[in-house]
Amino acid sequence: MLLVYLIRLISAAFWFFEIFILIRVVFSWITPNSYAKWVRFVYDVTEPFLSFIRQILPSALTSPLDWSPLAAIFLLGFIERFIIRSLVFLIG
């Protein structure tokens, strides 16, 4: 039973982070007030991971468009599945 709750907690955390990345993509289209606290919060939460992805991506992929949010969501999905499968293997 503990394993089920742990998996749900991990999945929820990854889901919220992916939602924050999608909100940031929408922000890039509508350019909200960058001094608003909730806008700063989304940028502060997502920027470390997205900057890491930008460093890994080749410059040819990041020139005209920023592909880091898409790559980040794919990478988060792989990391989430790896963590959950490892927990099931170790605990379950």
PDB file of N, CA and C in Angstrom:
ATOM      1  N   MET A   1       0.820  -1.190   0.000  1.00  0.00           N
ATOM      2  CA  MET A   1       0.000   0.000   0.000  1.00  0.00           C
ATOM      3  C   MET A   1       0.867   1.259   0.000  1.00  0.00           C
ATOM      4  N   LEU A   2       1.969   1.228   0.754  1.00  0.00           N
ATOM      5  CA  LEU A   2       2.883   2.360   0.796  1.00  0.00           C
ATOM      6  C   LEU A   2       3.477   2.621  -0.582  1.00  0.00           C
ATOM      7  N   LEU A   3       3.755   1.561  -1.313  1.00  0.00           N
ATOM      8  CA  LEU A   3       4.322   1.705  -2.651  1.00  0.00           C
ATOM      9  C   LEU A   3       3.369   2.453  -3.582  1.00  0.00           C
ATOM     10  N   VAL A   4       2.094   2.166  -3.476  1.00  0.00           N
ATOM     11  CA  VAL A   4       1.103   2.835  -4.326  1.00  0.00           C
ATOM     12  C   VAL A   4       1.088   4.328  -4.040  1.00  0.00           C
ATOM     13  N   TYR A   5       1.089   4.711  -2.764  1.00  0.00           N
ATOM     14  CA  TYR A   5       1.080   6.126  -2.401  1.00  0.00           C
ATOM     15  C   TYR A   5       2.370   6.818  -2.825  1.00  0.00           C
ATOM     16  N   LEU A   6       3.478   6.117  -2.695  1.00  0.00           N
ATOM     17  CA  LEU A   6       4.757   6.680  -3.103  1.00  0.00           C
ATOM     18  C   LEU A   6       4.798   6.910  -4.614  1.00  0.00           C
ATOM     19  N   ILE A   7       4.288   5.965  -5.369  1.00  0.00           N
ATOM     20  CA  ILE A   7       4.237   6.114  -6.824  1.00  0.00           C
ATOM     21  C   ILE A   7       3.327   7.269  -7.214  1.00  0.00           C
ATOM     22  N   ARG A   8       2.188   7.398  -6.545  1.00  0.00           N
ATOM     23  CA  ARG A   8       1.277   8.514  -6.837  1.00  0.00           C
ATOM     24  C   ARG A   8       1.920   9.855  -6.502  1.00  0.00           C
ATOM     25  N   LEU A   9       2.654   9.909  -5.402  1.00  0.00           N
ATOM     26  CA  LEU A   9       3.328  11.145  -5.008  1.00  0.00           C
ATOM     27  C   LEU A   9       4.390  11.531  -6.035  1.00  0.00           C
ATOM     28  N   ILE A  10       5.172  10.568  -6.473  1.00  0.00           N
ATOM     29  CA  ILE A  10       6.206  10.824  -7.474  1.00  0.00           C
ATOM     30  C   ILE A  10       5.570  11.258  -8.791  1.00  0.00           C
ATOM     31  N   SER A  11       4.523  10.575  -9.201  1.00  0.00           N
ATOM     32  CA  SER A  11       3.844  10.934 -10.445  1.00  0.00           C
ATOM     33  C   SER A  11       3.245  12.334 -10.368  1.00  0.00           C
ATOM     34  N   ALA A  12       2.676  12.684  -9.230  1.00  0.00           N
ATOM     35  CA  ALA A  12       2.099  14.015  -9.064  1.00  0.00           C
ATOM     36  C   ALA A  12       3.180  15.091  -9.122  1.00  0.00           C
ATOM     37  N   ALA A  13       4.325  14.845  -8.515  1.00  0.00           N
ATOM     38  CA  ALA A  13       5.416  15.815  -8.540  1.00  0.00           C
ATOM     39  C   ALA A  13       5.905  16.040  -9.970  1.00  0.00           C
ATOM     40  N   PHE A  14       6.077  14.973 -10.721  1.00  0.00           N
ATOM     41  CA  PHE A  14       6.503  15.113 -12.110  1.00  0.00           C
ATOM     42  C   PHE A  14       5.432  15.795 -12.944  1.00  0.00           C
ATOM     43  N   TRP A  15       4.172  15.489 -12.687  1.00  0.00           N
ATOM     44  CA  TRP A  15       3.075  16.111 -13.427  1.00  0.00           C
ATOM     45  C   TRP A  15       3.057  17.619 -13.192  1.00  0.00           C
ATOM     46  N   PHE A  16       3.207  18.042 -11.930  1.00  0.00           N
ATOM     47  CA  PHE A  16       3.225  19.480 -11.631  1.00  0.00           C
ATOM     48  C   PHE A  16       4.398  20.166 -12.315  1.00  0.00           C
ATOM     49  N   PHE A  17       5.557  19.520 -12.320  1.00  0.00           N
ATOM     50  CA  PHE A  17       6.718  20.127 -12.969  1.00  0.00           C
ATOM     51  C   PHE A  17       6.495  20.250 -14.474  1.00  0.00           C
ATOM     52  N   GLU A  18       5.895  19.239 -15.083  1.00  0.00           N
ATOM     53  CA  GLU A  18       5.589  19.317 -16.512  1.00  0.00           C
ATOM     54  C   GLU A  18       4.567  20.416 -16.801  1.00  0.00           C
ATOM     55  N   ILE A  19       3.592  20.590 -15.917  1.00  0.00           N
ATOM     56  CA  ILE A  19       2.615  21.664 -16.076  1.00  0.00           C
ATOM     57  C   ILE A  19       3.310  23.021 -15.982  1.00  0.00           C
ATOM     58  N   PHE A  20       4.237  23.175 -15.055  1.00  0.00           N
ATOM     59  CA  PHE A  20       4.986  24.431 -14.954  1.00  0.00           C
ATOM     60  C   PHE A  20       5.766  24.714 -16.232  1.00  0.00           C
ATOM     61  N   ILE A  21       6.336  23.683 -16.840  1.00  0.00           N
ATOM     62  CA  ILE A  21       7.053  23.876 -18.104  1.00  0.00           C
ATOM     63  C   ILE A  21       6.083  24.311 -19.199  1.00  0.00           C
ATOM     64  N   LEU A  22       4.907  23.694 -19.266  1.00  0.00           N
ATOM     65  CA  LEU A  22       3.918  24.093 -20.260  1.00  0.00           C
ATOM     66  C   LEU A  22       3.419  25.515 -20.022  1.00  0.00           C
ATOM     67  N   ILE A  23       3.249  25.898 -18.771  1.00  0.00           N
ATOM     68  CA  ILE A  23       2.851  27.276 -18.457  1.00  0.00           C
ATOM     69  C   ILE A  23       3.936  28.243 -18.921  1.00  0.00           C
ATOM     70  N   ARG A  24       5.174  27.864 -18.744  1.00  0.00           N
ATOM     71  CA  ARG A  24       6.270  28.726 -19.198  1.00  0.00           C
ATOM     72  C   ARG A  24       6.271  28.879 -20.715  1.00  0.00           C
ATOM     73  N   VAL A  25       5.938  27.820 -21.431  1.00  0.00           N
ATOM     74  CA  VAL A  25       5.831  27.916 -22.890  1.00  0.00           C
ATOM     75  C   VAL A  25       4.732  28.908 -23.263  1.00  0.00           C
ATOM     76  N   VAL A  26       3.602  28.819 -22.592  1.00  0.00           N
ATOM     77  CA  VAL A  26       2.512  29.768 -22.859  1.00  0.00           C
ATOM     78  C   VAL A  26       2.954  31.189 -22.520  1.00  0.00           C
ATOM     79  N   PHE A  27       3.719  31.364 -21.447  1.00  0.00           N
ATOM     80  CA  PHE A  27       4.240  32.681 -21.095  1.00  0.00           C
ATOM     81  C   PHE A  27       5.093  33.256 -22.224  1.00  0.00           C
ATOM     82  N   SER A  28       5.838  32.409 -22.900  1.00  0.00           N
ATOM     83  CA  SER A  28       6.681  32.911 -23.981  1.00  0.00           C
ATOM     84  C   SER A  28       5.846  33.427 -25.151  1.00  0.00           C
ATOM     85  N   TRP A  29       4.619  32.981 -25.267  1.00  0.00           N
ATOM     86  CA  TRP A  29       3.742  33.464 -26.339  1.00  0.00           C
ATOM     87  C   TRP A  29       3.012  34.738 -25.955  1.00  0.00           C
ATOM     88  N   ILE A  30       2.608  34.864 -24.680  1.00  0.00           N
ATOM     89  CA  ILE A  30       1.770  35.996 -24.288  1.00  0.00           C
ATOM     90  C   ILE A  30       2.531  37.072 -23.526  1.00  0.00           C
ATOM     91  N   THR A  31       3.742  36.833 -23.117  1.00  0.00           N
ATOM     92  CA  THR A  31       4.600  37.747 -22.359  1.00  0.00           C
ATOM     93  C   THR A  31       3.862  38.464 -21.225  1.00  0.00           C
ATOM     94  N   PRO A  32       3.603  37.753 -20.133  1.00  0.00           N
ATOM     95  CA  PRO A  32       2.948  38.397 -18.980  1.00  0.00           C
ATOM     96  C   PRO A  32       3.918  39.305 -18.234  1.00  0.00           C
ATOM     97  N   ASN A  33       3.424  39.975 -17.236  1.00  0.00           N
ATOM     98  CA  ASN A  33       4.250  40.841 -16.407  1.00  0.00           C
ATOM     99  C   ASN A  33       5.308  39.997 -15.704  1.00  0.00           C
ATOM    100  N   SER A  34       6.558  40.236 -16.019  1.00  0.00           N
ATOM    101  CA  SER A  34       7.626  39.395 -15.467  1.00  0.00           C
ATOM    102  C   SER A  34       7.901  39.696 -13.995  1.00  0.00           C
ATOM    103  N   TYR A  35       7.301  40.736 -13.454  1.00  0.00           N
ATOM    104  CA  TYR A  35       7.497  41.059 -12.046  1.00  0.00           C
ATOM    105  C   TYR A  35       6.417  40.456 -11.146  1.00  0.00           C
ATOM    106  N   ALA A  36       5.419  39.831 -11.743  1.00  0.00           N
ATOM    107  CA  ALA A  36       4.390  39.175 -10.940  1.00  0.00           C
ATOM    108  C   ALA A  36       5.010  37.989 -10.207  1.00  0.00           C
ATOM    109  N   LYS A  37       4.578  37.782  -8.968  1.00  0.00           N
ATOM    110  CA  LYS A  37       5.181  36.727  -8.145  1.00  0.00           C
ATOM    111  C   LYS A  37       4.976  35.344  -8.745  1.00  0.00           C
ATOM    112  N   TRP A  38       3.797  35.060  -9.257  1.00  0.00           N
ATOM    113  CA  TRP A  38       3.537  33.722  -9.793  1.00  0.00           C
ATOM    114  C   TRP A  38       4.302  33.482 -11.082  1.00  0.00           C
ATOM    115  N   VAL A  39       4.541  34.541 -11.866  1.00  0.00           N
ATOM    116  CA  VAL A  39       5.346  34.393 -13.086  1.00  0.00           C
ATOM    117  C   VAL A  39       6.794  34.123 -12.705  1.00  0.00           C
ATOM    118  N   ARG A  40       7.313  34.871 -11.741  1.00  0.00           N
ATOM    119  CA  ARG A  40       8.679  34.645 -11.265  1.00  0.00           C
ATOM    120  C   ARG A  40       8.831  33.243 -10.682  1.00  0.00           C
ATOM    121  N   PHE A  41       7.803  32.780  -9.970  1.00  0.00           N
ATOM    122  CA  PHE A  41       7.856  31.444  -9.378  1.00  0.00           C
ATOM    123  C   PHE A  41       8.001  30.377 -10.463  1.00  0.00           C
ATOM    124  N   VAL A  42       7.202  30.486 -11.521  1.00  0.00           N
ATOM    125  CA  VAL A  42       7.282  29.501 -12.610  1.00  0.00           C
ATOM    126  C   VAL A  42       8.655  29.544 -13.262  1.00  0.00           C
ATOM    127  N   TYR A  43       9.181  30.735 -13.500  1.00  0.00           N
ATOM    128  CA  TYR A  43      10.513  30.851 -14.099  1.00  0.00           C
ATOM    129  C   TYR A  43      11.589  30.298 -13.159  1.00  0.00           C
ATOM    130  N   ASP A  44      11.490  30.616 -11.877  1.00  0.00           N
ATOM    131  CA  ASP A  44      12.501  30.140 -10.926  1.00  0.00           C
ATOM    132  C   ASP A  44      12.479  28.624 -10.764  1.00  0.00           C
ATOM    133  N   VAL A  45      11.314  28.021 -10.869  1.00  0.00           N
ATOM    134  CA  VAL A  45      11.203  26.568 -10.714  1.00  0.00           C
ATOM    135  C   VAL A  45      11.723  25.850 -11.962  1.00  0.00           C
ATOM    136  N   THR A  46      11.433  26.380 -13.135  1.00  0.00           N
ATOM    137  CA  THR A  46      11.758  25.658 -14.370  1.00  0.00           C
ATOM    138  C   THR A  46      13.117  26.002 -14.967  1.00  0.00           C
ATOM    139  N   GLU A  47      13.645  27.170 -14.680  1.00  0.00           N
ATOM    140  CA  GLU A  47      14.876  27.604 -15.351  1.00  0.00           C
ATOM    141  C   GLU A  47      16.084  26.711 -15.101  1.00  0.00           C
ATOM    142  N   PRO A  48      16.349  26.232 -13.891  1.00  0.00           N
ATOM    143  CA  PRO A  48      17.531  25.371 -13.728  1.00  0.00           C
ATOM    144  C   PRO A  48      17.502  24.127 -14.622  1.00  0.00           C
ATOM    145  N   PHE A  49      16.359  23.482 -14.709  1.00  0.00           N
ATOM    146  CA  PHE A  49      16.265  22.270 -15.525  1.00  0.00           C
ATOM    147  C   PHE A  49      16.320  22.606 -17.012  1.00  0.00           C
ATOM    148  N   LEU A  50      15.638  23.676 -17.424  1.00  0.00           N
ATOM    149  CA  LEU A  50      15.640  24.045 -18.839  1.00  0.00           C
ATOM    150  C   LEU A  50      17.013  24.543 -19.291  1.00  0.00           C
ATOM    151  N   SER A  51      17.721  25.247 -18.443  1.00  0.00           N
ATOM    152  CA  SER A  51      19.068  25.690 -18.820  1.00  0.00           C
ATOM    153  C   SER A  51      20.012  24.500 -18.954  1.00  0.00           C
ATOM    154  N   PHE A  52      19.827  23.490 -18.104  1.00  0.00           N
ATOM    155  CA  PHE A  52      20.619  22.266 -18.231  1.00  0.00           C
ATOM    156  C   PHE A  52      20.336  21.582 -19.571  1.00  0.00           C
ATOM    157  N   ILE A  53      19.065  21.525 -19.958  1.00  0.00           N
ATOM    158  CA  ILE A  53      18.695  20.917 -21.242  1.00  0.00           C
ATOM    159  C   ILE A  53      19.276  21.725 -22.395  1.00  0.00           C
ATOM    160  N   ARG A  54      19.251  23.060 -22.306  1.00  0.00           N
ATOM    161  CA  ARG A  54      19.802  23.904 -23.368  1.00  0.00           C
ATOM    162  C   ARG A  54      21.293  23.676 -23.549  1.00  0.00           C
ATOM    163  N   GLN A  55      22.001  23.395 -22.471  1.00  0.00           N
ATOM    164  CA  GLN A  55      23.432  23.124 -22.573  1.00  0.00           C
ATOM    165  C   GLN A  55      23.700  21.802 -23.276  1.00  0.00           C
ATOM    166  N   ILE A  56      22.795  20.846 -23.109  1.00  0.00           N
ATOM    167  CA  ILE A  56      22.986  19.526 -23.710  1.00  0.00           C
ATOM    168  C   ILE A  56      22.608  19.529 -25.183  1.00  0.00           C
ATOM    169  N   LEU A  57      21.525  20.233 -25.527  1.00  0.00           N
ATOM    170  CA  LEU A  57      21.064  20.249 -26.916  1.00  0.00           C
ATOM    171  C   LEU A  57      22.102  20.904 -27.812  1.00  0.00           C
ATOM    172  N   PRO A  58      22.274  20.379 -29.017  1.00  0.00           N
ATOM    173  CA  PRO A  58      23.182  21.038 -29.957  1.00  0.00           C
ATOM    174  C   PRO A  58      22.643  22.414 -30.353  1.00  0.00           C
ATOM    175  N   SER A  59      23.532  23.310 -30.688  1.00  0.00           N
ATOM    176  CA  SER A  59      23.113  24.679 -31.007  1.00  0.00           C
ATOM    177  C   SER A  59      22.243  24.737 -32.261  1.00  0.00           C
ATOM    178  N   ALA A  60      22.344  23.754 -33.136  1.00  0.00           N
ATOM    179  CA  ALA A  60      21.505  23.742 -34.339  1.00  0.00           C
ATOM    180  C   ALA A  60      20.030  23.576 -33.985  1.00  0.00           C
ATOM    181  N   LEU A  61      19.742  22.891 -32.881  1.00  0.00           N
ATOM    182  CA  LEU A  61      18.347  22.696 -32.476  1.00  0.00           C
ATOM    183  C   LEU A  61      17.787  23.889 -31.706  1.00  0.00           C
ATOM    184  N   THR A  62      18.630  24.714 -31.136  1.00  0.00           N
ATOM    185  CA  THR A  62      18.142  25.804 -30.303  1.00  0.00           C
ATOM    186  C   THR A  62      18.176  27.154 -31.007  1.00  0.00           C
ATOM    187  N   SER A  63      18.624  27.225 -32.246  1.00  0.00           N
ATOM    188  CA  SER A  63      18.759  28.514 -32.918  1.00  0.00           C
ATOM    189  C   SER A  63      17.417  29.195 -33.190  1.00  0.00           C
ATOM    190  N   PRO A  64      16.583  28.658 -34.090  1.00  0.00           N
ATOM    191  CA  PRO A  64      15.343  29.399 -34.388  1.00  0.00           C
ATOM    192  C   PRO A  64      14.268  29.246 -33.309  1.00  0.00           C
ATOM    193  N   LEU A  65      14.152  28.079 -32.742  1.00  0.00           N
ATOM    194  CA  LEU A  65      13.143  27.813 -31.719  1.00  0.00           C
ATOM    195  C   LEU A  65      13.805  27.186 -30.501  1.00  0.00           C
ATOM    196  N   ASP A  66      13.195  27.399 -29.369  1.00  0.00           N
ATOM    197  CA  ASP A  66      13.697  26.787 -28.132  1.00  0.00           C
ATOM    198  C   ASP A  66      13.016  25.434 -27.950  1.00  0.00           C
ATOM    199  N   TRP A  67      13.761  24.372 -28.204  1.00  0.00           N
ATOM    200  CA  TRP A  67      13.237  23.015 -28.093  1.00  0.00           C
ATOM    201  C   TRP A  67      13.436  22.440 -26.699  1.00  0.00           C
ATOM    202  N   SER A  68      14.024  23.207 -25.791  1.00  0.00           N
ATOM    203  CA  SER A  68      14.315  22.673 -24.465  1.00  0.00           C
ATOM    204  C   SER A  68      13.066  22.265 -23.679  1.00  0.00           C
ATOM    205  N   PRO A  69      11.924  22.970 -23.760  1.00  0.00           N
ATOM    206  CA  PRO A  69      10.747  22.472 -23.022  1.00  0.00           C
ATOM    207  C   PRO A  69      10.270  21.099 -23.500  1.00  0.00           C
ATOM    208  N   LEU A  70      10.277  20.890 -24.805  1.00  0.00           N
ATOM    209  CA  LEU A  70       9.856  19.589 -25.337  1.00  0.00           C
ATOM    210  C   LEU A  70      10.823  18.490 -24.905  1.00  0.00           C
ATOM    211  N   ALA A  71      12.115  18.771 -25.025  1.00  0.00           N
ATOM    212  CA  ALA A  71      13.117  17.790 -24.596  1.00  0.00           C
ATOM    213  C   ALA A  71      13.021  17.542 -23.091  1.00  0.00           C
ATOM    214  N   ALA A  72      12.725  18.589 -22.317  1.00  0.00           N
ATOM    215  CA  ALA A  72      12.611  18.437 -20.874  1.00  0.00           C
ATOM    216  C   ALA A  72      11.428  17.553 -20.499  1.00  0.00           C
ATOM    217  N   ILE A  73      10.304  17.726 -21.183  1.00  0.00           N
ATOM    218  CA  ILE A  73       9.131  16.899 -20.881  1.00  0.00           C
ATOM    219  C   ILE A  73       9.395  15.441 -21.234  1.00  0.00           C
ATOM    220  N   PHE A  74      10.059  15.194 -22.368  1.00  0.00           N
ATOM    221  CA  PHE A  74      10.423  13.815 -22.714  1.00  0.00           C
ATOM    222  C   PHE A  74      11.378  13.232 -21.677  1.00  0.00           C
ATOM    223  N   LEU A  75      12.384  13.999 -21.284  1.00  0.00           N
ATOM    224  CA  LEU A  75      13.356  13.519 -20.307  1.00  0.00           C
ATOM    225  C   LEU A  75      12.702  13.269 -18.951  1.00  0.00           C
ATOM    226  N   LEU A  76      11.799  14.144 -18.551  1.00  0.00           N
ATOM    227  CA  LEU A  76      11.084  13.937 -17.289  1.00  0.00           C
ATOM    228  C   LEU A  76      10.254  12.655 -17.321  1.00  0.00           C
ATOM    229  N   GLY A  77       9.645  12.365 -18.463  1.00  0.00           N
ATOM    230  CA  GLY A  77       8.886  11.119 -18.587  1.00  0.00           C
ATOM    231  C   GLY A  77       9.772   9.897 -18.416  1.00  0.00           C
ATOM    232  N   PHE A  78      10.958   9.931 -19.031  1.00  0.00           N
ATOM    233  CA  PHE A  78      11.885   8.810 -18.879  1.00  0.00           C
ATOM    234  C   PHE A  78      12.365   8.676 -17.439  1.00  0.00           C
ATOM    235  N   ILE A  79      12.688   9.798 -16.813  1.00  0.00           N
ATOM    236  CA  ILE A  79      13.163   9.761 -15.430  1.00  0.00           C
ATOM    237  C   ILE A  79      12.070   9.240 -14.498  1.00  0.00           C
ATOM    238  N   GLU A  80      10.836   9.708 -14.715  1.00  0.00           N
ATOM    239  CA  GLU A  80       9.720   9.251 -13.877  1.00  0.00           C
ATOM    240  C   GLU A  80       9.512   7.745 -14.006  1.00  0.00           C
ATOM    241  N   ARG A  81       9.507   7.257 -15.246  1.00  0.00           N
ATOM    242  CA  ARG A  81       9.330   5.809 -15.439  1.00  0.00           C
ATOM    243  C   ARG A  81      10.472   5.014 -14.819  1.00  0.00           C
ATOM    244  N   PHE A  82      11.687   5.518 -14.940  1.00  0.00           N
ATOM    245  CA  PHE A  82      12.832   4.823 -14.364  1.00  0.00           C
ATOM    246  C   PHE A  82      12.709   4.750 -12.843  1.00  0.00           C
ATOM    247  N   ILE A  83      12.351   5.855 -12.209  1.00  0.00           N
ATOM    248  CA  ILE A  83      12.216   5.877 -10.747  1.00  0.00           C
ATOM    249  C   ILE A  83      11.114   4.935 -10.286  1.00  0.00           C
ATOM    250  N   ILE A  84       9.965   4.989 -10.967  1.00  0.00           N
ATOM    251  CA  ILE A  84       8.834   4.141 -10.558  1.00  0.00           C
ATOM    252  C   ILE A  84       9.156   2.668 -10.760  1.00  0.00           C
ATOM    253  N   ARG A  85       9.748   2.326 -11.895  1.00  0.00           N
ATOM    254  CA  ARG A  85      10.083   0.921 -12.128  1.00  0.00           C
ATOM    255  C   ARG A  85      11.159   0.431 -11.156  1.00  0.00           C
ATOM    256  N   SER A  86      12.087   1.319 -10.798  1.00  0.00           N
ATOM    257  CA  SER A  86      13.093   0.932  -9.820  1.00  0.00           C
ATOM    258  C   SER A  86      12.467   0.690  -8.450  1.00  0.00           C
ATOM    259  N   LEU A  87      11.517   1.547  -8.069  1.00  0.00           N
ATOM    260  CA  LEU A  87      10.841   1.355  -6.792  1.00  0.00           C
ATOM    261  C   LEU A  87      10.045   0.061  -6.772  1.00  0.00           C
ATOM    262  N   VAL A  88       9.344  -0.216  -7.847  1.00  0.00           N
ATOM    263  CA  VAL A  88       8.558  -1.461  -7.911  1.00  0.00           C
ATOM    264  C   VAL A  88       9.479  -2.661  -7.841  1.00  0.00           C
ATOM    265  N   PHE A  89      10.623  -2.578  -8.509  1.00  0.00           N
ATOM    266  CA  PHE A  89      11.577  -3.685  -8.490  1.00  0.00           C
ATOM    267  C   PHE A  89      12.175  -3.873  -7.100  1.00  0.00           C
ATOM    268  N   LEU A  90      12.524  -2.758  -6.437  1.00  0.00           N
ATOM    269  CA  LEU A  90      13.196  -2.858  -5.150  1.00  0.00           C
ATOM    270  C   LEU A  90      12.243  -3.147  -3.989  1.00  0.00           C
ATOM    271  N   ILE A  91      11.072  -2.494  -4.006  1.00  0.00           N
ATOM    272  CA  ILE A  91      10.146  -2.634  -2.879  1.00  0.00           C
ATOM    273  C   ILE A  91       9.087  -3.700  -3.153  1.00  0.00           C
ATOM    274  N   GLY A  92       8.549  -3.671  -4.369  1.00  0.00           N
ATOM    275  CA  GLY A  92       7.430  -4.571  -4.693  1.00  0.00           C
ATOM    276  C   GLY A  92       7.903  -5.923  -4.966  1.00  0.00           C
TER     277      GLY A  92
END
